[in-house]
Amino acid sequence: MVEVENELYVLVEAVKHSNIYKEYDRCKKTLKAEPELFRRVNVFRIESYKLNQQPDDGTLQDRIEKFQEDNLELTEEPRVRAFLDAELGLCRMIQEINTRLVRGIDFE
């Protein structure tokens, strides 16, 4: 396990030094400099996550569209848009790492 932990540390450091992570971190710091804006973004993120985890009862698409419409002003704010885009990029990187790990060890 020690060898795996050492290699995991190397992976974490590689992620932290990637341009994708650096952009995410820069955008996060920009938002945190304005606590109220950061709070609003976090509320948006939580509500978005909850909405996207709900089963489709035939109204999900309508509820998603209303949520997007209700939050349009927030998500069009350039600092918020930059953060959300950077966060998405980082999430995709983490998903790709996970996918490759699972495939690489033939985990079923």
PDB file of N, CA and C in Angstrom:
ATOM      1  N   MET A   1       0.829  -1.204   0.000  1.00  0.00           N
ATOM      2  CA  MET A   1       0.000   0.000   0.000  1.00  0.00           C
ATOM      3  C   MET A   1       0.865   1.257   0.000  1.00  0.00           C
ATOM      4  N   VAL A   2       2.043   1.186   0.609  1.00  0.00           N
ATOM      5  CA  VAL A   2       2.927   2.352   0.662  1.00  0.00           C
ATOM      6  C   VAL A   2       3.310   2.793  -0.744  1.00  0.00           C
ATOM      7  N   GLU A   3       3.587   1.825  -1.632  1.00  0.00           N
ATOM      8  CA  GLU A   3       3.949   2.166  -3.009  1.00  0.00           C
ATOM      9  C   GLU A   3       2.791   2.875  -3.714  1.00  0.00           C
ATOM     10  N   VAL A   4       1.582   2.381  -3.512  1.00  0.00           N
ATOM     11  CA  VAL A   4       0.400   3.008  -4.118  1.00  0.00           C
ATOM     12  C   VAL A   4       0.226   4.421  -3.568  1.00  0.00           C
ATOM     13  N   GLU A   5       0.381   4.597  -2.273  1.00  0.00           N
ATOM     14  CA  GLU A   5       0.251   5.928  -1.666  1.00  0.00           C
ATOM     15  C   GLU A   5       1.296   6.889  -2.217  1.00  0.00           C
ATOM     16  N   ASN A   6       2.512   6.410  -2.410  1.00  0.00           N
ATOM     17  CA  ASN A   6       3.563   7.262  -2.975  1.00  0.00           C
ATOM     18  C   ASN A   6       3.217   7.686  -4.397  1.00  0.00           C
ATOM     19  N   GLU A   7       2.736   6.753  -5.193  1.00  0.00           N
ATOM     20  CA  GLU A   7       2.368   7.070  -6.572  1.00  0.00           C
ATOM     21  C   GLU A   7       1.132   7.968  -6.620  1.00  0.00           C
ATOM     22  N   LEU A   8       0.232   7.772  -5.676  1.00  0.00           N
ATOM     23  CA  LEU A   8      -0.940   8.638  -5.593  1.00  0.00           C
ATOM     24  C   LEU A   8      -0.518  10.075  -5.304  1.00  0.00           C
ATOM     25  N   TYR A   9       0.459  10.235  -4.424  1.00  0.00           N
ATOM     26  CA  TYR A   9       0.996  11.569  -4.129  1.00  0.00           C
ATOM     27  C   TYR A   9       1.541  12.201  -5.409  1.00  0.00           C
ATOM     28  N   VAL A  10       2.254  11.416  -6.212  1.00  0.00           N
ATOM     29  CA  VAL A  10       2.804  11.918  -7.479  1.00  0.00           C
ATOM     30  C   VAL A  10       1.669  12.353  -8.402  1.00  0.00           C
ATOM     31  N   LEU A  11       0.610  11.555  -8.473  1.00  0.00           N
ATOM     32  CA  LEU A  11      -0.542  11.904  -9.312  1.00  0.00           C
ATOM     33  C   LEU A  11      -1.201  13.193  -8.837  1.00  0.00           C
ATOM     34  N   VAL A  12      -1.408  13.312  -7.535  1.00  0.00           N
ATOM     35  CA  VAL A  12      -2.021  14.525  -6.978  1.00  0.00           C
ATOM     36  C   VAL A  12      -1.176  15.745  -7.330  1.00  0.00           C
ATOM     37  N   GLU A  13       0.112  15.636  -7.185  1.00  0.00           N
ATOM     38  CA  GLU A  13       0.999  16.758  -7.515  1.00  0.00           C
ATOM     39  C   GLU A  13       0.932  17.085  -9.003  1.00  0.00           C
ATOM     40  N   ALA A  14       0.849  16.062  -9.853  1.00  0.00           N
ATOM     41  CA  ALA A  14       0.733  16.291 -11.296  1.00  0.00           C
ATOM     42  C   ALA A  14      -0.562  17.033 -11.620  1.00  0.00           C
ATOM     43  N   VAL A  15      -1.654  16.642 -10.970  1.00  0.00           N
ATOM     44  CA  VAL A  15      -2.931  17.337 -11.181  1.00  0.00           C
ATOM     45  C   VAL A  15      -2.802  18.788 -10.738  1.00  0.00           C
ATOM     46  N   LYS A  16      -2.220  19.015  -9.564  1.00  0.00           N
ATOM     47  CA  LYS A  16      -2.069  20.379  -9.046  1.00  0.00           C
ATOM     48  C   LYS A  16      -1.211  21.256  -9.950  1.00  0.00           C
ATOM     49  N   HIS A  17      -0.292  20.659 -10.686  1.00  0.00           N
ATOM     50  CA  HIS A  17       0.581  21.425 -11.574  1.00  0.00           C
ATOM     51  C   HIS A  17       0.024  21.542 -12.997  1.00  0.00           C
ATOM     52  N   SER A  18      -1.109  20.920 -13.254  1.00  0.00           N
ATOM     53  CA  SER A  18      -1.708  20.993 -14.589  1.00  0.00           C
ATOM     54  C   SER A  18      -2.338  22.364 -14.810  1.00  0.00           C
ATOM     55  N   ASN A  19      -2.400  22.763 -16.063  1.00  0.00           N
ATOM     56  CA  ASN A  19      -3.042  24.036 -16.404  1.00  0.00           C
ATOM     57  C   ASN A  19      -4.524  24.030 -16.033  1.00  0.00           C
ATOM     58  N   ILE A  20      -5.148  22.878 -16.148  1.00  0.00           N
ATOM     59  CA  ILE A  20      -6.576  22.775 -15.821  1.00  0.00           C
ATOM     60  C   ILE A  20      -6.807  23.091 -14.350  1.00  0.00           C
ATOM     61  N   TYR A  21      -6.004  22.492 -13.479  1.00  0.00           N
ATOM     62  CA  TYR A  21      -6.165  22.753 -12.046  1.00  0.00           C
ATOM     63  C   TYR A  21      -5.785  24.190 -11.707  1.00  0.00           C
ATOM     64  N   LYS A  22      -4.712  24.682 -12.300  1.00  0.00           N
ATOM     65  CA  LYS A  22      -4.277  26.054 -12.006  1.00  0.00           C
ATOM     66  C   LYS A  22      -5.365  27.064 -12.367  1.00  0.00           C
ATOM     67  N   GLU A  23      -6.040  26.834 -13.485  1.00  0.00           N
ATOM     68  CA  GLU A  23      -7.128  27.734 -13.882  1.00  0.00           C
ATOM     69  C   GLU A  23      -8.291  27.635 -12.897  1.00  0.00           C
ATOM     70  N   TYR A  24      -8.633  26.423 -12.494  1.00  0.00           N
ATOM     71  CA  TYR A  24      -9.687  26.232 -11.497  1.00  0.00           C
ATOM     72  C   TYR A  24      -9.336  26.965 -10.204  1.00  0.00           C
ATOM     73  N   ASP A  25      -8.129  26.781  -9.726  1.00  0.00           N
ATOM     74  CA  ASP A  25      -7.697  27.397  -8.471  1.00  0.00           C
ATOM     75  C   ASP A  25      -7.709  28.926  -8.574  1.00  0.00           C
ATOM     76  N   ARG A  26      -7.268  29.443  -9.714  1.00  0.00           N
ATOM     77  CA  ARG A  26      -7.269  30.895  -9.926  1.00  0.00           C
ATOM     78  C   ARG A  26      -8.698  31.434  -9.893  1.00  0.00           C
ATOM     79  N   CYS A  27      -9.594  30.766 -10.587  1.00  0.00           N
ATOM     80  CA  CYS A  27     -10.993  31.204 -10.629  1.00  0.00           C
ATOM     81  C   CYS A  27     -11.652  31.091  -9.259  1.00  0.00           C
ATOM     82  N   LYS A  28     -11.341  30.032  -8.535  1.00  0.00           N
ATOM     83  CA  LYS A  28     -11.904  29.855  -7.193  1.00  0.00           C
ATOM     84  C   LYS A  28     -11.441  30.984  -6.274  1.00  0.00           C
ATOM     85  N   LYS A  29     -10.176  31.334  -6.345  1.00  0.00           N
ATOM     86  CA  LYS A  29      -9.653  32.418  -5.507  1.00  0.00           C
ATOM     87  C   LYS A  29     -10.304  33.750  -5.866  1.00  0.00           C
ATOM     88  N   THR A  30     -10.557  33.965  -7.143  1.00  0.00           N
ATOM     89  CA  THR A  30     -11.231  35.190  -7.580  1.00  0.00           C
ATOM     90  C   THR A  30     -12.620  35.282  -6.957  1.00  0.00           C
ATOM     91  N   LEU A  31     -13.353  34.178  -6.968  1.00  0.00           N
ATOM     92  CA  LEU A  31     -14.694  34.181  -6.372  1.00  0.00           C
ATOM     93  C   LEU A  31     -14.639  34.330  -4.861  1.00  0.00           C
ATOM     94  N   LYS A  32     -13.699  33.648  -4.222  1.00  0.00           N
ATOM     95  CA  LYS A  32     -13.608  33.712  -2.763  1.00  0.00           C
ATOM     96  C   LYS A  32     -13.274  35.116  -2.271  1.00  0.00           C
ATOM     97  N   ALA A  33     -12.698  35.932  -3.140  1.00  0.00           N
ATOM     98  CA  ALA A  33     -12.396  37.316  -2.769  1.00  0.00           C
ATOM     99  C   ALA A  33     -13.672  38.119  -2.568  1.00  0.00           C
ATOM    100  N   GLU A  34     -14.783  37.602  -3.082  1.00  0.00           N
ATOM    101  CA  GLU A  34     -16.094  38.231  -2.902  1.00  0.00           C
ATOM    102  C   GLU A  34     -17.014  37.205  -2.229  1.00  0.00           C
ATOM    103  N   PRO A  35     -17.017  37.166  -0.903  1.00  0.00           N
ATOM    104  CA  PRO A  35     -17.734  36.116  -0.171  1.00  0.00           C
ATOM    105  C   PRO A  35     -19.205  35.948  -0.555  1.00  0.00           C
ATOM    106  N   GLU A  36     -19.909  37.025  -0.808  1.00  0.00           N
ATOM    107  CA  GLU A  36     -21.329  36.901  -1.152  1.00  0.00           C
ATOM    108  C   GLU A  36     -21.499  36.238  -2.523  1.00  0.00           C
ATOM    109  N   LEU A  37     -20.678  36.612  -3.470  1.00  0.00           N
ATOM    110  CA  LEU A  37     -20.737  35.988  -4.793  1.00  0.00           C
ATOM    111  C   LEU A  37     -20.370  34.507  -4.688  1.00  0.00           C
ATOM    112  N   PHE A  38     -19.343  34.198  -3.914  1.00  0.00           N
ATOM    113  CA  PHE A  38     -18.931  32.807  -3.716  1.00  0.00           C
ATOM    114  C   PHE A  38     -20.058  32.003  -3.060  1.00  0.00           C
ATOM    115  N   ARG A  39     -20.741  32.598  -2.091  1.00  0.00           N
ATOM    116  CA  ARG A  39     -21.861  31.936  -1.432  1.00  0.00           C
ATOM    117  C   ARG A  39     -22.971  31.637  -2.438  1.00  0.00           C
ATOM    118  N   ARG A  40     -23.295  32.612  -3.266  1.00  0.00           N
ATOM    119  CA  ARG A  40     -24.347  32.427  -4.271  1.00  0.00           C
ATOM    120  C   ARG A  40     -23.988  31.321  -5.264  1.00  0.00           C
ATOM    121  N   VAL A  41     -22.734  31.288  -5.654  1.00  0.00           N
ATOM    122  CA  VAL A  41     -22.282  30.245  -6.580  1.00  0.00           C
ATOM    123  C   VAL A  41     -22.395  28.869  -5.921  1.00  0.00           C
ATOM    124  N   ASN A  42     -22.034  28.776  -4.662  1.00  0.00           N
ATOM    125  CA  ASN A  42     -22.131  27.489  -3.971  1.00  0.00           C
ATOM    126  C   ASN A  42     -23.572  27.037  -3.816  1.00  0.00           C
ATOM    127  N   VAL A  43     -24.476  27.954  -3.551  1.00  0.00           N
ATOM    128  CA  VAL A  43     -25.904  27.606  -3.494  1.00  0.00           C
ATOM    129  C   VAL A  43     -26.347  27.094  -4.863  1.00  0.00           C
ATOM    130  N   PHE A  44     -25.942  27.782  -5.915  1.00  0.00           N
ATOM    131  CA  PHE A  44     -26.267  27.359  -7.276  1.00  0.00           C
ATOM    132  C   PHE A  44     -25.735  25.952  -7.549  1.00  0.00           C
ATOM    133  N   ARG A  45     -24.490  25.697  -7.180  1.00  0.00           N
ATOM    134  CA  ARG A  45     -23.872  24.393  -7.430  1.00  0.00           C
ATOM    135  C   ARG A  45     -24.609  23.279  -6.686  1.00  0.00           C
ATOM    136  N   ILE A  46     -24.965  23.533  -5.441  1.00  0.00           N
ATOM    137  CA  ILE A  46     -25.684  22.528  -4.644  1.00  0.00           C
ATOM    138  C   ILE A  46     -27.052  22.239  -5.260  1.00  0.00           C
ATOM    139  N   GLU A  47     -27.775  23.298  -5.600  1.00  0.00           N
ATOM    140  CA  GLU A  47     -29.108  23.114  -6.184  1.00  0.00           C
ATOM    141  C   GLU A  47     -29.022  22.432  -7.546  1.00  0.00           C
ATOM    142  N   SER A  48     -28.017  22.779  -8.325  1.00  0.00           N
ATOM    143  CA  SER A  48     -27.822  22.145  -9.629  1.00  0.00           C
ATOM    144  C   SER A  48     -27.546  20.655  -9.466  1.00  0.00           C
ATOM    145  N   TYR A  49     -26.690  20.321  -8.524  1.00  0.00           N
ATOM    146  CA  TYR A  49     -26.381  18.913  -8.260  1.00  0.00           C
ATOM    147  C   TYR A  49     -27.645  18.155  -7.855  1.00  0.00           C
ATOM    148  N   LYS A  50     -28.395  18.718  -6.917  1.00  0.00           N
ATOM    149  CA  LYS A  50     -29.626  18.059  -6.458  1.00  0.00           C
ATOM    150  C   LYS A  50     -30.594  17.834  -7.621  1.00  0.00           C
ATOM    151  N   LEU A  51     -30.746  18.853  -8.445  1.00  0.00           N
ATOM    152  CA  LEU A  51     -31.664  18.759  -9.571  1.00  0.00           C
ATOM    153  C   LEU A  51     -31.221  17.666 -10.538  1.00  0.00           C
ATOM    154  N   ASN A  52     -29.939  17.594 -10.805  1.00  0.00           N
ATOM    155  CA  ASN A  52     -29.431  16.615 -11.759  1.00  0.00           C
ATOM    156  C   ASN A  52     -29.398  15.193 -11.213  1.00  0.00           C
ATOM    157  N   GLN A  53     -29.595  15.016  -9.925  1.00  0.00           N
ATOM    158  CA  GLN A  53     -29.633  13.682  -9.325  1.00  0.00           C
ATOM    159  C   GLN A  53     -31.054  13.129  -9.244  1.00  0.00           C
ATOM    160  N   GLN A  54     -32.028  13.945  -9.581  1.00  0.00           N
ATOM    161  CA  GLN A  54     -33.423  13.514  -9.482  1.00  0.00           C
ATOM    162  C   GLN A  54     -33.803  12.638 -10.672  1.00  0.00           C
ATOM    163  N   PRO A  55     -34.660  11.652 -10.420  1.00  0.00           N
ATOM    164  CA  PRO A  55     -35.142  10.831 -11.536  1.00  0.00           C
ATOM    165  C   PRO A  55     -36.055  11.662 -12.433  1.00  0.00           C
ATOM    166  N   ASP A  56     -36.083  11.296 -13.690  1.00  0.00           N
ATOM    167  CA  ASP A  56     -36.937  12.024 -14.634  1.00  0.00           C
ATOM    168  C   ASP A  56     -38.371  11.522 -14.502  1.00  0.00           C
ATOM    169  N   ASP A  57     -39.204  12.405 -13.992  1.00  0.00           N
ATOM    170  CA  ASP A  57     -40.622  12.071 -13.819  1.00  0.00           C
ATOM    171  C   ASP A  57     -41.468  12.676 -14.936  1.00  0.00           C
ATOM    172  N   GLY A  58     -40.800  13.070 -16.004  1.00  0.00           N
ATOM    173  CA  GLY A  58     -41.502  13.696 -17.116  1.00  0.00           C
ATOM    174  C   GLY A  58     -41.446  15.208 -17.074  1.00  0.00           C
ATOM    175  N   THR A  59     -41.038  15.769 -15.925  1.00  0.00           N
ATOM    176  CA  THR A  59     -40.951  17.227 -15.795  1.00  0.00           C
ATOM    177  C   THR A  59     -39.517  17.699 -15.573  1.00  0.00           C
ATOM    178  N   LEU A  60     -38.582  16.767 -15.547  1.00  0.00           N
ATOM    179  CA  LEU A  60     -37.201  17.129 -15.211  1.00  0.00           C
ATOM    180  C   LEU A  60     -36.629  18.159 -16.179  1.00  0.00           C
ATOM    181  N   GLN A  61     -36.809  17.951 -17.461  1.00  0.00           N
ATOM    182  CA  GLN A  61     -36.262  18.889 -18.442  1.00  0.00           C
ATOM    183  C   GLN A  61     -36.840  20.289 -18.237  1.00  0.00           C
ATOM    184  N   ASP A  62     -38.122  20.381 -17.969  1.00  0.00           N
ATOM    185  CA  ASP A  62     -38.748  21.681 -17.716  1.00  0.00           C
ATOM    186  C   ASP A  62     -38.175  22.330 -16.459  1.00  0.00           C
ATOM    187  N   ARG A  63     -37.958  21.526 -15.422  1.00  0.00           N
ATOM    188  CA  ARG A  63     -37.399  22.069 -14.176  1.00  0.00           C
ATOM    189  C   ARG A  63     -35.955  22.528 -14.371  1.00  0.00           C
ATOM    190  N   ILE A  64     -35.194  21.786 -15.170  1.00  0.00           N
ATOM    191  CA  ILE A  64     -33.812  22.188 -15.464  1.00  0.00           C
ATOM    192  C   ILE A  64     -33.809  23.504 -16.225  1.00  0.00           C
ATOM    193  N   GLU A  65     -34.661  23.622 -17.226  1.00  0.00           N
ATOM    194  CA  GLU A  65     -34.736  24.862 -18.004  1.00  0.00           C
ATOM    195  C   GLU A  65     -35.143  26.043 -17.132  1.00  0.00           C
ATOM    196  N   LYS A  66     -36.094  25.844 -16.228  1.00  0.00           N
ATOM    197  CA  LYS A  66     -36.505  26.922 -15.319  1.00  0.00           C
ATOM    198  C   LYS A  66     -35.357  27.294 -14.387  1.00  0.00           C
ATOM    199  N   PHE A  67     -34.656  26.312 -13.866  1.00  0.00           N
ATOM    200  CA  PHE A  67     -33.513  26.558 -12.992  1.00  0.00           C
ATOM    201  C   PHE A  67     -32.452  27.378 -13.734  1.00  0.00           C
ATOM    202  N   GLN A  68     -32.162  27.001 -14.963  1.00  0.00           N
ATOM    203  CA  GLN A  68     -31.176  27.734 -15.756  1.00  0.00           C
ATOM    204  C   GLN A  68     -31.638  29.168 -16.012  1.00  0.00           C
ATOM    205  N   GLU A  69     -32.908  29.324 -16.327  1.00  0.00           N
ATOM    206  CA  GLU A  69     -33.470  30.655 -16.567  1.00  0.00           C
ATOM    207  C   GLU A  69     -33.412  31.507 -15.299  1.00  0.00           C
ATOM    208  N   ASP A  70     -33.770  30.919 -14.170  1.00  0.00           N
ATOM    209  CA  ASP A  70     -33.761  31.640 -12.892  1.00  0.00           C
ATOM    210  C   ASP A  70     -32.355  32.068 -12.478  1.00  0.00           C
ATOM    211  N   ASN A  71     -31.352  31.350 -12.942  1.00  0.00           N
ATOM    212  CA  ASN A  71     -29.969  31.623 -12.542  1.00  0.00           C
ATOM    213  C   ASN A  71     -29.127  32.219 -13.663  1.00  0.00           C
ATOM    214  N   LEU A  72     -29.779  32.654 -14.721  1.00  0.00           N
ATOM    215  CA  LEU A  72     -29.072  33.167 -15.891  1.00  0.00           C
ATOM    216  C   LEU A  72     -28.172  34.349 -15.552  1.00  0.00           C
ATOM    217  N   GLU A  73     -28.668  35.283 -14.770  1.00  0.00           N
ATOM    218  CA  GLU A  73     -27.867  36.457 -14.422  1.00  0.00           C
ATOM    219  C   GLU A  73     -26.588  36.040 -13.693  1.00  0.00           C
ATOM    220  N   LEU A  74     -26.712  35.115 -12.770  1.00  0.00           N
ATOM    221  CA  LEU A  74     -25.541  34.647 -12.022  1.00  0.00           C
ATOM    222  C   LEU A  74     -24.560  33.935 -12.944  1.00  0.00           C
ATOM    223  N   THR A  75     -25.049  33.013 -13.754  1.00  0.00           N
ATOM    224  CA  THR A  75     -24.147  32.200 -14.571  1.00  0.00           C
ATOM    225  C   THR A  75     -23.550  32.961 -15.749  1.00  0.00           C
ATOM    226  N   GLU A  76     -24.133  34.099 -16.104  1.00  0.00           N
ATOM    227  CA  GLU A  76     -23.548  34.915 -17.170  1.00  0.00           C
ATOM    228  C   GLU A  76     -22.528  35.916 -16.644  1.00  0.00           C
ATOM    229  N   GLU A  77     -22.416  36.038 -15.324  1.00  0.00           N
ATOM    230  CA  GLU A  77     -21.399  36.908 -14.730  1.00  0.00           C
ATOM    231  C   GLU A  77     -20.039  36.310 -15.095  1.00  0.00           C
ATOM    232  N   PRO A  78     -19.137  37.082 -15.707  1.00  0.00           N
ATOM    233  CA  PRO A  78     -17.886  36.523 -16.237  1.00  0.00           C
ATOM    234  C   PRO A  78     -17.048  35.728 -15.236  1.00  0.00           C
ATOM    235  N   ARG A  79     -16.946  36.189 -14.005  1.00  0.00           N
ATOM    236  CA  ARG A  79     -16.140  35.452 -13.015  1.00  0.00           C
ATOM    237  C   ARG A  79     -16.798  34.128 -12.652  1.00  0.00           C
ATOM    238  N   VAL A  80     -18.107  34.135 -12.591  1.00  0.00           N
ATOM    239  CA  VAL A  80     -18.848  32.909 -12.284  1.00  0.00           C
ATOM    240  C   VAL A  80     -18.733  31.934 -13.447  1.00  0.00           C
ATOM    241  N   ARG A  81     -18.940  32.438 -14.665  1.00  0.00           N
ATOM    242  CA  ARG A  81     -18.842  31.579 -15.852  1.00  0.00           C
ATOM    243  C   ARG A  81     -17.455  30.953 -15.945  1.00  0.00           C
ATOM    244  N   ALA A  82     -16.415  31.760 -15.691  1.00  0.00           N
ATOM    245  CA  ALA A  82     -15.041  31.244 -15.751  1.00  0.00           C
ATOM    246  C   ALA A  82     -14.833  30.144 -14.713  1.00  0.00           C
ATOM    247  N   PHE A  83     -15.347  30.359 -13.499  1.00  0.00           N
ATOM    248  CA  PHE A  83     -15.203  29.353 -12.447  1.00  0.00           C
ATOM    249  C   PHE A  83     -15.939  28.071 -12.816  1.00  0.00           C
ATOM    250  N   LEU A  84     -17.176  28.190 -13.257  1.00  0.00           N
ATOM    251  CA  LEU A  84     -17.956  26.998 -13.596  1.00  0.00           C
ATOM    252  C   LEU A  84     -17.320  26.226 -14.749  1.00  0.00           C
ATOM    253  N   ASP A  85     -16.789  26.940 -15.732  1.00  0.00           N
ATOM    254  CA  ASP A  85     -16.097  26.278 -16.843  1.00  0.00           C
ATOM    255  C   ASP A  85     -14.834  25.575 -16.359  1.00  0.00           C
ATOM    256  N   ALA A  86     -14.077  26.245 -15.485  1.00  0.00           N
ATOM    257  CA  ALA A  86     -12.853  25.648 -14.952  1.00  0.00           C
ATOM    258  C   ALA A  86     -13.171  24.437 -14.080  1.00  0.00           C
ATOM    259  N   GLU A  87     -14.234  24.539 -13.292  1.00  0.00           N
ATOM    260  CA  GLU A  87     -14.649  23.417 -12.450  1.00  0.00           C
ATOM    261  C   GLU A  87     -15.042  22.220 -13.314  1.00  0.00           C
ATOM    262  N   LEU A  88     -15.764  22.469 -14.386  1.00  0.00           N
ATOM    263  CA  LEU A  88     -16.159  21.400 -15.296  1.00  0.00           C
ATOM    264  C   LEU A  88     -14.927  20.739 -15.909  1.00  0.00           C
ATOM    265  N   GLY A  89     -13.951  21.543 -16.304  1.00  0.00           N
ATOM    266  CA  GLY A  89     -12.717  20.990 -16.860  1.00  0.00           C
ATOM    267  C   GLY A  89     -11.995  20.094 -15.872  1.00  0.00           C
ATOM    268  N   LEU A  90     -11.928  20.527 -14.621  1.00  0.00           N
ATOM    269  CA  LEU A  90     -11.274  19.725 -13.586  1.00  0.00           C
ATOM    270  C   LEU A  90     -12.060  18.439 -13.324  1.00  0.00           C
ATOM    271  N   CYS A  91     -13.376  18.538 -13.278  1.00  0.00           N
ATOM    272  CA  CYS A  91     -14.203  17.339 -13.080  1.00  0.00           C
ATOM    273  C   CYS A  91     -13.991  16.336 -14.212  1.00  0.00           C
ATOM    274  N   ARG A  92     -13.897  16.826 -15.426  1.00  0.00           N
ATOM    275  CA  ARG A  92     -13.670  15.925 -16.563  1.00  0.00           C
ATOM    276  C   ARG A  92     -12.304  15.251 -16.461  1.00  0.00           C
ATOM    277  N   MET A  93     -11.303  15.998 -16.000  1.00  0.00           N
ATOM    278  CA  MET A  93      -9.979  15.409 -15.815  1.00  0.00           C
ATOM    279  C   MET A  93     -10.039  14.292 -14.773  1.00  0.00           C
ATOM    280  N   ILE A  94     -10.700  14.555 -13.662  1.00  0.00           N
ATOM    281  CA  ILE A  94     -10.807  13.559 -12.594  1.00  0.00           C
ATOM    282  C   ILE A  94     -11.581  12.332 -13.084  1.00  0.00           C
ATOM    283  N   GLN A  95     -12.638  12.552 -13.853  1.00  0.00           N
ATOM    284  CA  GLN A  95     -13.396  11.429 -14.414  1.00  0.00           C
ATOM    285  C   GLN A  95     -12.524  10.589 -15.345  1.00  0.00           C
ATOM    286  N   GLU A  96     -11.709  11.253 -16.154  1.00  0.00           N
ATOM    287  CA  GLU A  96     -10.823  10.534 -17.073  1.00  0.00           C
ATOM    288  C   GLU A  96      -9.788   9.723 -16.301  1.00  0.00           C
ATOM    289  N   ILE A  97      -9.235  10.294 -15.248  1.00  0.00           N
ATOM    290  CA  ILE A  97      -8.279   9.560 -14.405  1.00  0.00           C
ATOM    291  C   ILE A  97      -8.960   8.326 -13.820  1.00  0.00           C
ATOM    292  N   ASN A  98     -10.162   8.501 -13.295  1.00  0.00           N
ATOM    293  CA  ASN A  98     -10.899   7.381 -12.712  1.00  0.00           C
ATOM    294  C   ASN A  98     -11.200   6.310 -13.760  1.00  0.00           C
ATOM    295  N   THR A  99     -11.633   6.724 -14.932  1.00  0.00           N
ATOM    296  CA  THR A  99     -11.941   5.776 -16.006  1.00  0.00           C
ATOM    297  C   THR A  99     -10.711   4.963 -16.377  1.00  0.00           C
ATOM    298  N   ARG A 100      -9.587   5.640 -16.540  1.00  0.00           N
ATOM    299  CA  ARG A 100      -8.354   4.928 -16.910  1.00  0.00           C
ATOM    300  C   ARG A 100      -7.892   3.993 -15.800  1.00  0.00           C
ATOM    301  N   LEU A 101      -8.051   4.402 -14.561  1.00  0.00           N
ATOM    302  CA  LEU A 101      -7.670   3.549 -13.438  1.00  0.00           C
ATOM    303  C   LEU A 101      -8.513   2.277 -13.425  1.00  0.00           C
ATOM    304  N   VAL A 102      -9.816   2.440 -13.537  1.00  0.00           N
ATOM    305  CA  VAL A 102     -10.720   1.289 -13.499  1.00  0.00           C
ATOM    306  C   VAL A 102     -10.449   0.352 -14.674  1.00  0.00           C
ATOM    307  N   ARG A 103     -10.247   0.901 -15.857  1.00  0.00           N
ATOM    308  CA  ARG A 103      -9.947   0.061 -17.024  1.00  0.00           C
ATOM    309  C   ARG A 103      -8.587  -0.621 -16.874  1.00  0.00           C
ATOM    310  N   GLY A 104      -7.634   0.124 -16.335  1.00  0.00           N
ATOM    311  CA  GLY A 104      -6.276  -0.399 -16.207  1.00  0.00           C
ATOM    312  C   GLY A 104      -6.151  -1.568 -15.255  1.00  0.00           C
ATOM    313  N   ILE A 105      -7.024  -1.638 -14.267  1.00  0.00           N
ATOM    314  CA  ILE A 105      -6.947  -2.754 -13.314  1.00  0.00           C
ATOM    315  C   ILE A 105      -8.026  -3.800 -13.588  1.00  0.00           C
ATOM    316  N   ASP A 106      -8.757  -3.631 -14.684  1.00  0.00           N
ATOM    317  CA  ASP A 106      -9.804  -4.573 -15.071  1.00  0.00           C
ATOM    318  C   ASP A 106     -10.779  -4.802 -13.919  1.00  0.00           C
ATOM    319  N   PHE A 107     -11.255  -3.698 -13.369  1.00  0.00           N
ATOM    320  CA  PHE A 107     -12.191  -3.732 -12.240  1.00  0.00           C
ATOM    321  C   PHE A 107     -13.606  -3.863 -12.768  1.00  0.00           C
ATOM    322  N   GLU A 108     -14.298  -4.893 -12.328  1.00  0.00           N
ATOM    323  CA  GLU A 108     -15.674  -5.113 -12.806  1.00  0.00           C
ATOM    324  C   GLU A 108     -16.667  -4.959 -11.691  1.00  0.00           C
TER     325      GLU A 108
END
